[in-house]
């Protein structure tokens, strides 16, 4: 009769930690117990505790920060270039809880870059909405949205921390999205941007610029989004010509 396989203690500890991560008891970005804490909690050696944490890192459930400890892995979200959809809806579809924090909400005069994207003249007044976009309470992107004032009367009355900008554009102002032009550039975060996103200055990021059009081919929104590099994956599909 074969004996039942019993995994080594460090594997058992790793599995316990994975269960706590999957259940939400240990949240993304939170610090895991130290080797000392694990050894005291489970009456194991420091070496066994170290092996358990190493297995967790190797499995992709955690990452180490030199001098600080081991942390639960931060979610990597996939931005879909196939479907035109809002940030919140995109995260929800992937099982990630979205949240937004408004940094700036107001009216500005378009500079050369914004005027070019909106196909207007420099100095034209436009809405500016700046938000930090979170997934499972982890900052993923700093997003700048610009919209023509003449298309959206009293737009700033809406709570864009709890309301989707896409839904307001489509359901309140009746501009239905038809397509979007998008560009991706590799960049790094300046000090102020990094501080807002709670990462180090010069952290690698993707700058996503997009121009969204309605069914009448009218520009209704321009977005410049700084996406933290190691927390973002971009997905698209390529088809051969007919």
C-alpha atoms as a PDB file:
ATOM      1  CA  UNK A   1       0.000   0.000   0.000  1.00  0.00           C
ATOM      2  CA  UNK A   2       1.440   3.360  -1.038  1.00  0.00           C
ATOM      3  CA  UNK A   3       1.964   5.959   1.643  1.00  0.00           C
ATOM      4  CA  UNK A   4       0.217   9.286   1.239  1.00  0.00           C
ATOM      5  CA  UNK A   5       2.617  11.962  -0.011  1.00  0.00           C
ATOM      6  CA  UNK A   6       3.251  14.718   2.506  1.00  0.00           C
ATOM      7  CA  UNK A   7       4.966  17.778   0.998  1.00  0.00           C
ATOM      8  CA  UNK A   8       7.945  19.354   2.761  1.00  0.00           C
ATOM      9  CA  UNK A   9       7.150  21.900   5.493  1.00  0.00           C
ATOM     10  CA  UNK A  10       8.293  24.872   3.387  1.00  0.00           C
ATOM     11  CA  UNK A  11       5.864  23.850   0.623  1.00  0.00           C
ATOM     12  CA  UNK A  12       3.060  23.583   3.157  1.00  0.00           C
ATOM     13  CA  UNK A  13       3.834  27.083   4.449  1.00  0.00           C
ATOM     14  CA  UNK A  14       3.970  28.401   0.868  1.00  0.00           C
ATOM     15  CA  UNK A  15       0.535  26.869   0.169  1.00  0.00           C
ATOM     16  CA  UNK A  16      -0.903  28.444   3.332  1.00  0.00           C
ATOM     17  CA  UNK A  17       0.343  31.868   2.224  1.00  0.00           C
ATOM     18  CA  UNK A  18      -1.035  31.371  -1.298  1.00  0.00           C
ATOM     19  CA  UNK A  19      -4.425  30.509   0.170  1.00  0.00           C
ATOM     20  CA  UNK A  20      -4.348  33.736   2.213  1.00  0.00           C
ATOM     21  CA  UNK A  21      -3.437  35.725  -0.906  1.00  0.00           C
ATOM     22  CA  UNK A  22      -6.195  34.154  -3.002  1.00  0.00           C
ATOM     23  CA  UNK A  23      -8.780  34.721  -0.261  1.00  0.00           C
ATOM     24  CA  UNK A  24      -7.851  38.392   0.026  1.00  0.00           C
ATOM     25  CA  UNK A  25      -6.579  38.097   3.589  1.00  0.00           C
ATOM     26  CA  UNK A  26      -3.198  39.194   2.240  1.00  0.00           C
ATOM     27  CA  UNK A  27      -3.847  42.022  -0.238  1.00  0.00           C
ATOM     28  CA  UNK A  28      -1.816  43.017  -3.288  1.00  0.00           C
ATOM     29  CA  UNK A  29       1.164  45.153  -2.282  1.00  0.00           C
ATOM     30  CA  UNK A  30       0.948  44.231   1.401  1.00  0.00           C
ATOM     31  CA  UNK A  31       4.050  43.021   3.232  1.00  0.00           C
ATOM     32  CA  UNK A  32       4.317  39.318   3.975  1.00  0.00           C
ATOM     33  CA  UNK A  33       5.435  37.998   7.379  1.00  0.00           C
ATOM     34  CA  UNK A  34       9.208  38.033   7.803  1.00  0.00           C
ATOM     35  CA  UNK A  35      11.300  34.871   8.101  1.00  0.00           C
ATOM     36  CA  UNK A  36      11.397  35.443  11.848  1.00  0.00           C
ATOM     37  CA  UNK A  37       7.625  35.894  12.094  1.00  0.00           C
ATOM     38  CA  UNK A  38       6.993  32.741  10.064  1.00  0.00           C
ATOM     39  CA  UNK A  39       9.448  30.702  12.106  1.00  0.00           C
ATOM     40  CA  UNK A  40       7.755  31.796  15.348  1.00  0.00           C
ATOM     41  CA  UNK A  41       4.178  31.385  14.057  1.00  0.00           C
ATOM     42  CA  UNK A  42       4.676  27.901  12.607  1.00  0.00           C
ATOM     43  CA  UNK A  43       7.519  26.673  14.867  1.00  0.00           C
ATOM     44  CA  UNK A  44       9.888  26.182  11.964  1.00  0.00           C
ATOM     45  CA  UNK A  45      13.509  27.107  11.313  1.00  0.00           C
ATOM     46  CA  UNK A  46      14.511  30.388   9.669  1.00  0.00           C
ATOM     47  CA  UNK A  47      15.876  28.371   6.742  1.00  0.00           C
ATOM     48  CA  UNK A  48      12.510  26.675   6.207  1.00  0.00           C
ATOM     49  CA  UNK A  49      10.760  30.047   6.390  1.00  0.00           C
ATOM     50  CA  UNK A  50      13.228  31.489   3.855  1.00  0.00           C
ATOM     51  CA  UNK A  51      12.590  28.574   1.489  1.00  0.00           C
ATOM     52  CA  UNK A  52       8.816  29.105   1.757  1.00  0.00           C
ATOM     53  CA  UNK A  53       9.142  32.790   0.845  1.00  0.00           C
ATOM     54  CA  UNK A  54      11.536  31.961  -1.998  1.00  0.00           C
ATOM     55  CA  UNK A  55       9.014  29.483  -3.403  1.00  0.00           C
ATOM     56  CA  UNK A  56       6.331  32.167  -3.184  1.00  0.00           C
ATOM     57  CA  UNK A  57       8.510  34.620  -5.135  1.00  0.00           C
ATOM     58  CA  UNK A  58       9.462  32.004  -7.727  1.00  0.00           C
ATOM     59  CA  UNK A  59       5.769  31.187  -8.225  1.00  0.00           C
ATOM     60  CA  UNK A  60       4.980  34.820  -8.997  1.00  0.00           C
ATOM     61  CA  UNK A  61       2.862  35.445  -5.910  1.00  0.00           C
ATOM     62  CA  UNK A  62       5.359  37.782  -4.255  1.00  0.00           C
ATOM     63  CA  UNK A  63       8.357  40.015  -4.862  1.00  0.00           C
ATOM     64  CA  UNK A  64      11.276  41.131  -2.705  1.00  0.00           C
ATOM     65  CA  UNK A  65      12.367  44.691  -1.967  1.00  0.00           C
ATOM     66  CA  UNK A  66      15.957  44.915  -0.778  1.00  0.00           C
ATOM     67  CA  UNK A  67      16.147  46.074   2.814  1.00  0.00           C
ATOM     68  CA  UNK A  68      12.355  46.084   3.263  1.00  0.00           C
ATOM     69  CA  UNK A  69      11.055  42.539   2.926  1.00  0.00           C
ATOM     70  CA  UNK A  70       8.749  40.415   0.776  1.00  0.00           C
ATOM     71  CA  UNK A  71       5.454  41.728  -0.605  1.00  0.00           C
ATOM     72  CA  UNK A  72       2.365  40.272  -2.279  1.00  0.00           C
ATOM     73  CA  UNK A  73       2.641  40.758  -6.028  1.00  0.00           C
ATOM     74  CA  UNK A  74       0.940  43.801  -7.495  1.00  0.00           C
ATOM     75  CA  UNK A  75      -1.627  43.025 -10.223  1.00  0.00           C
ATOM     76  CA  UNK A  76      -0.548  43.407 -13.824  1.00  0.00           C
ATOM     77  CA  UNK A  77      -3.529  44.602 -15.824  1.00  0.00           C
ATOM     78  CA  UNK A  78      -4.044  44.024 -19.529  1.00  0.00           C
ATOM     79  CA  UNK A  79      -5.139  46.981 -21.646  1.00  0.00           C
ATOM     80  CA  UNK A  80      -7.176  45.697 -24.546  1.00  0.00           C
ATOM     81  CA  UNK A  81      -6.617  47.451 -27.883  1.00  0.00           C
ATOM     82  CA  UNK A  82      -9.238  45.328 -29.603  1.00  0.00           C
ATOM     83  CA  UNK A  83     -12.318  46.685 -27.812  1.00  0.00           C
ATOM     84  CA  UNK A  84     -13.080  50.359 -27.170  1.00  0.00           C
ATOM     85  CA  UNK A  85     -14.105  50.447 -23.529  1.00  0.00           C
ATOM     86  CA  UNK A  86     -13.584  52.473 -20.372  1.00  0.00           C
ATOM     87  CA  UNK A  87     -10.868  51.812 -17.815  1.00  0.00           C
ATOM     88  CA  UNK A  88     -13.250  50.696 -15.049  1.00  0.00           C
ATOM     89  CA  UNK A  89     -15.180  48.307 -17.283  1.00  0.00           C
ATOM     90  CA  UNK A  90     -11.915  46.859 -18.589  1.00  0.00           C
ATOM     91  CA  UNK A  91     -10.635  46.087 -15.079  1.00  0.00           C
ATOM     92  CA  UNK A  92     -13.954  44.632 -13.936  1.00  0.00           C
ATOM     93  CA  UNK A  93     -13.964  42.263 -16.916  1.00  0.00           C
ATOM     94  CA  UNK A  94     -10.636  40.874 -15.701  1.00  0.00           C
ATOM     95  CA  UNK A  95     -11.721  40.422 -12.096  1.00  0.00           C
ATOM     96  CA  UNK A  96      -9.838  43.488 -10.820  1.00  0.00           C
ATOM     97  CA  UNK A  97     -11.651  46.002  -8.606  1.00  0.00           C
ATOM     98  CA  UNK A  98     -11.358  49.511 -10.114  1.00  0.00           C
ATOM     99  CA  UNK A  99     -11.140  52.771  -8.209  1.00  0.00           C
ATOM    100  CA  UNK A 100     -10.398  56.367  -9.213  1.00  0.00           C
ATOM    101  CA  UNK A 101      -9.077  59.380  -7.332  1.00  0.00           C
ATOM    102  CA  UNK A 102      -9.564  62.823  -8.860  1.00  0.00           C
ATOM    103  CA  UNK A 103      -6.414  64.960  -8.707  1.00  0.00           C
ATOM    104  CA  UNK A 104      -7.579  67.875 -10.860  1.00  0.00           C
ATOM    105  CA  UNK A 105     -10.999  68.845 -12.213  1.00  0.00           C
ATOM    106  CA  UNK A 106     -11.288  72.118 -14.074  1.00  0.00           C
ATOM    107  CA  UNK A 107     -11.027  74.199 -17.228  1.00  0.00           C
ATOM    108  CA  UNK A 108      -7.689  75.073 -18.857  1.00  0.00           C
ATOM    109  CA  UNK A 109      -6.406  76.713 -22.015  1.00  0.00           C
ATOM    110  CA  UNK A 110      -5.156  74.070 -24.451  1.00  0.00           C
ATOM    111  CA  UNK A 111      -1.403  74.074 -24.997  1.00  0.00           C
ATOM    112  CA  UNK A 112       0.158  73.109 -28.302  1.00  0.00           C
ATOM    113  CA  UNK A 113       0.033  69.350 -27.575  1.00  0.00           C
ATOM    114  CA  UNK A 114      -3.571  69.238 -26.352  1.00  0.00           C
ATOM    115  CA  UNK A 115      -4.745  71.588 -29.107  1.00  0.00           C
ATOM    116  CA  UNK A 116      -3.133  69.314 -31.695  1.00  0.00           C
ATOM    117  CA  UNK A 117      -4.799  66.185 -30.291  1.00  0.00           C
ATOM    118  CA  UNK A 118      -8.219  67.873 -30.027  1.00  0.00           C
ATOM    119  CA  UNK A 119      -7.800  69.463 -33.473  1.00  0.00           C
ATOM    120  CA  UNK A 120      -8.387  72.947 -32.088  1.00  0.00           C
ATOM    121  CA  UNK A 121      -6.367  76.128 -31.625  1.00  0.00           C
ATOM    122  CA  UNK A 122      -3.874  76.892 -28.871  1.00  0.00           C
ATOM    123  CA  UNK A 123      -5.566  78.746 -26.012  1.00  0.00           C
ATOM    124  CA  UNK A 124      -8.994  77.206 -26.567  1.00  0.00           C
ATOM    125  CA  UNK A 125     -10.640  76.426 -23.232  1.00  0.00           C
ATOM    126  CA  UNK A 126     -11.145  72.707 -22.596  1.00  0.00           C
ATOM    127  CA  UNK A 127     -12.108  70.484 -19.678  1.00  0.00           C
ATOM    128  CA  UNK A 128      -9.228  68.769 -17.884  1.00  0.00           C
ATOM    129  CA  UNK A 129      -9.851  65.765 -15.631  1.00  0.00           C
ATOM    130  CA  UNK A 130      -6.802  64.193 -13.976  1.00  0.00           C
ATOM    131  CA  UNK A 131      -7.283  60.938 -12.106  1.00  0.00           C
ATOM    132  CA  UNK A 132      -5.215  58.178 -10.526  1.00  0.00           C
ATOM    133  CA  UNK A 133      -6.601  54.827 -11.675  1.00  0.00           C
ATOM    134  CA  UNK A 134      -6.380  51.939  -9.221  1.00  0.00           C
ATOM    135  CA  UNK A 135      -6.787  48.191  -9.523  1.00  0.00           C
ATOM    136  CA  UNK A 136      -7.408  46.323  -6.248  1.00  0.00           C
ATOM    137  CA  UNK A 137      -6.363  49.571  -4.482  1.00  0.00           C
ATOM    138  CA  UNK A 138      -2.957  49.564  -6.220  1.00  0.00           C
ATOM    139  CA  UNK A 139      -2.138  52.651  -8.371  1.00  0.00           C
ATOM    140  CA  UNK A 140      -1.815  51.596 -12.006  1.00  0.00           C
ATOM    141  CA  UNK A 141      -2.009  54.770 -14.063  1.00  0.00           C
ATOM    142  CA  UNK A 142      -2.169  58.564 -13.977  1.00  0.00           C
ATOM    143  CA  UNK A 143      -4.749  59.621 -16.542  1.00  0.00           C
ATOM    144  CA  UNK A 144      -5.307  63.063 -18.106  1.00  0.00           C
ATOM    145  CA  UNK A 145      -8.619  63.497 -19.959  1.00  0.00           C
ATOM    146  CA  UNK A 146      -9.418  66.518 -22.140  1.00  0.00           C
ATOM    147  CA  UNK A 147     -12.830  67.307 -23.611  1.00  0.00           C
ATOM    148  CA  UNK A 148     -14.281  70.194 -25.679  1.00  0.00           C
ATOM    149  CA  UNK A 149     -16.364  72.541 -23.547  1.00  0.00           C
ATOM    150  CA  UNK A 150     -18.862  73.209 -26.346  1.00  0.00           C
ATOM    151  CA  UNK A 151     -19.904  69.537 -26.415  1.00  0.00           C
ATOM    152  CA  UNK A 152     -20.365  68.962 -22.692  1.00  0.00           C
ATOM    153  CA  UNK A 153     -22.253  71.661 -20.800  1.00  0.00           C
ATOM    154  CA  UNK A 154     -21.800  71.436 -17.002  1.00  0.00           C
ATOM    155  CA  UNK A 155     -19.586  68.345 -17.258  1.00  0.00           C
ATOM    156  CA  UNK A 156     -17.762  69.142 -14.014  1.00  0.00           C
ATOM    157  CA  UNK A 157     -20.895  68.560 -11.935  1.00  0.00           C
ATOM    158  CA  UNK A 158     -20.340  64.803 -12.088  1.00  0.00           C
ATOM    159  CA  UNK A 159     -18.426  62.775  -9.505  1.00  0.00           C
ATOM    160  CA  UNK A 160     -15.725  61.124 -11.573  1.00  0.00           C
ATOM    161  CA  UNK A 161     -14.340  59.195  -8.633  1.00  0.00           C
ATOM    162  CA  UNK A 162     -17.515  57.114  -8.593  1.00  0.00           C
ATOM    163  CA  UNK A 163     -18.880  57.678 -12.094  1.00  0.00           C
ATOM    164  CA  UNK A 164     -17.480  56.446 -15.418  1.00  0.00           C
ATOM    165  CA  UNK A 165     -16.551  59.271 -17.781  1.00  0.00           C
ATOM    166  CA  UNK A 166     -17.318  56.999 -20.738  1.00  0.00           C
ATOM    167  CA  UNK A 167     -20.820  56.314 -19.403  1.00  0.00           C
ATOM    168  CA  UNK A 168     -21.498  60.027 -18.863  1.00  0.00           C
ATOM    169  CA  UNK A 169     -20.353  60.838 -22.404  1.00  0.00           C
ATOM    170  CA  UNK A 170     -22.556  58.137 -23.930  1.00  0.00           C
ATOM    171  CA  UNK A 171     -25.586  58.055 -21.639  1.00  0.00           C
ATOM    172  CA  UNK A 172     -25.928  61.693 -20.557  1.00  0.00           C
ATOM    173  CA  UNK A 173     -24.601  63.617 -23.571  1.00  0.00           C
ATOM    174  CA  UNK A 174     -25.502  60.937 -26.159  1.00  0.00           C
ATOM    175  CA  UNK A 175     -22.153  60.830 -27.937  1.00  0.00           C
ATOM    176  CA  UNK A 176     -21.681  57.174 -28.883  1.00  0.00           C
ATOM    177  CA  UNK A 177     -18.083  56.031 -29.310  1.00  0.00           C
ATOM    178  CA  UNK A 178     -17.226  54.708 -32.751  1.00  0.00           C
ATOM    179  CA  UNK A 179     -13.438  54.305 -32.738  1.00  0.00           C
ATOM    180  CA  UNK A 180     -10.213  55.543 -31.194  1.00  0.00           C
ATOM    181  CA  UNK A 181      -6.726  56.317 -32.470  1.00  0.00           C
ATOM    182  CA  UNK A 182      -3.976  55.349 -30.041  1.00  0.00           C
ATOM    183  CA  UNK A 183      -0.216  55.747 -29.684  1.00  0.00           C
ATOM    184  CA  UNK A 184       2.162  54.193 -27.145  1.00  0.00           C
ATOM    185  CA  UNK A 185       5.513  55.619 -26.094  1.00  0.00           C
ATOM    186  CA  UNK A 186       8.036  54.443 -23.507  1.00  0.00           C
ATOM    187  CA  UNK A 187       8.883  57.069 -20.906  1.00  0.00           C
ATOM    188  CA  UNK A 188       9.808  57.509 -17.240  1.00  0.00           C
ATOM    189  CA  UNK A 189       7.906  59.259 -14.477  1.00  0.00           C
ATOM    190  CA  UNK A 190       8.871  62.722 -13.294  1.00  0.00           C
ATOM    191  CA  UNK A 191       9.115  63.408  -9.566  1.00  0.00           C
ATOM    192  CA  UNK A 192       5.574  64.758  -9.180  1.00  0.00           C
ATOM    193  CA  UNK A 193       4.011  61.969 -11.256  1.00  0.00           C
ATOM    194  CA  UNK A 194       5.948  59.326  -9.329  1.00  0.00           C
ATOM    195  CA  UNK A 195       4.860  60.833  -6.008  1.00  0.00           C
ATOM    196  CA  UNK A 196       1.195  60.738  -7.024  1.00  0.00           C
ATOM    197  CA  UNK A 197       1.528  57.079  -8.104  1.00  0.00           C
ATOM    198  CA  UNK A 198       3.590  56.196  -4.997  1.00  0.00           C
ATOM    199  CA  UNK A 199       6.590  54.867  -6.936  1.00  0.00           C
ATOM    200  CA  UNK A 200      10.201  55.976  -7.366  1.00  0.00           C
ATOM    201  CA  UNK A 201      11.142  58.887  -9.608  1.00  0.00           C
ATOM    202  CA  UNK A 202      12.174  57.745 -13.115  1.00  0.00           C
ATOM    203  CA  UNK A 203      10.095  54.554 -12.825  1.00  0.00           C
ATOM    204  CA  UNK A 204       9.547  53.216 -16.381  1.00  0.00           C
ATOM    205  CA  UNK A 205       6.066  53.852 -17.774  1.00  0.00           C
ATOM    206  CA  UNK A 206       4.027  53.616 -20.957  1.00  0.00           C
ATOM    207  CA  UNK A 207       2.530  56.859 -22.206  1.00  0.00           C
ATOM    208  CA  UNK A 208      -0.726  56.039 -23.973  1.00  0.00           C
ATOM    209  CA  UNK A 209      -2.249  58.841 -26.040  1.00  0.00           C
ATOM    210  CA  UNK A 210      -5.695  58.328 -27.528  1.00  0.00           C
ATOM    211  CA  UNK A 211      -8.238  60.308 -29.521  1.00  0.00           C
ATOM    212  CA  UNK A 212     -11.813  59.020 -29.311  1.00  0.00           C
ATOM    213  CA  UNK A 213     -14.427  59.735 -31.990  1.00  0.00           C
ATOM    214  CA  UNK A 214     -18.211  59.476 -32.008  1.00  0.00           C
ATOM    215  CA  UNK A 215     -20.427  58.017 -34.723  1.00  0.00           C
ATOM    216  CA  UNK A 216     -20.203  61.299 -36.657  1.00  0.00           C
ATOM    217  CA  UNK A 217     -16.390  61.159 -36.602  1.00  0.00           C
ATOM    218  CA  UNK A 218     -16.281  64.047 -34.134  1.00  0.00           C
ATOM    219  CA  UNK A 219     -13.525  64.150 -31.499  1.00  0.00           C
ATOM    220  CA  UNK A 220     -15.200  63.818 -28.100  1.00  0.00           C
ATOM    221  CA  UNK A 221     -12.278  63.000 -25.820  1.00  0.00           C
ATOM    222  CA  UNK A 222      -8.482  62.988 -25.721  1.00  0.00           C
ATOM    223  CA  UNK A 223      -6.582  60.976 -23.123  1.00  0.00           C
ATOM    224  CA  UNK A 224      -2.935  60.954 -22.065  1.00  0.00           C
ATOM    225  CA  UNK A 225      -2.358  58.068 -19.666  1.00  0.00           C
ATOM    226  CA  UNK A 226       0.868  57.218 -17.828  1.00  0.00           C
ATOM    227  CA  UNK A 227       0.798  53.487 -17.091  1.00  0.00           C
ATOM    228  CA  UNK A 228       3.366  52.036 -14.658  1.00  0.00           C
ATOM    229  CA  UNK A 229       5.576  49.782 -16.759  1.00  0.00           C
ATOM    230  CA  UNK A 230       5.715  46.589 -14.703  1.00  0.00           C
ATOM    231  CA  UNK A 231       1.994  46.742 -13.890  1.00  0.00           C
ATOM    232  CA  UNK A 232       0.750  46.968 -17.469  1.00  0.00           C
ATOM    233  CA  UNK A 233       0.416  44.607 -20.426  1.00  0.00           C
ATOM    234  CA  UNK A 234      -1.012  45.723 -23.774  1.00  0.00           C
ATOM    235  CA  UNK A 235      -3.059  43.327 -25.875  1.00  0.00           C
ATOM    236  CA  UNK A 236      -4.083  43.572 -29.514  1.00  0.00           C
ATOM    237  CA  UNK A 237      -4.894  41.312 -32.471  1.00  0.00           C
ATOM    238  CA  UNK A 238      -3.506  41.395 -36.007  1.00  0.00           C
ATOM    239  CA  UNK A 239      -5.376  39.931 -38.967  1.00  0.00           C
ATOM    240  CA  UNK A 240      -4.073  39.335 -42.491  1.00  0.00           C
ATOM    241  CA  UNK A 241      -5.445  41.478 -45.309  1.00  0.00           C
ATOM    242  CA  UNK A 242      -8.458  40.006 -47.043  1.00  0.00           C
END
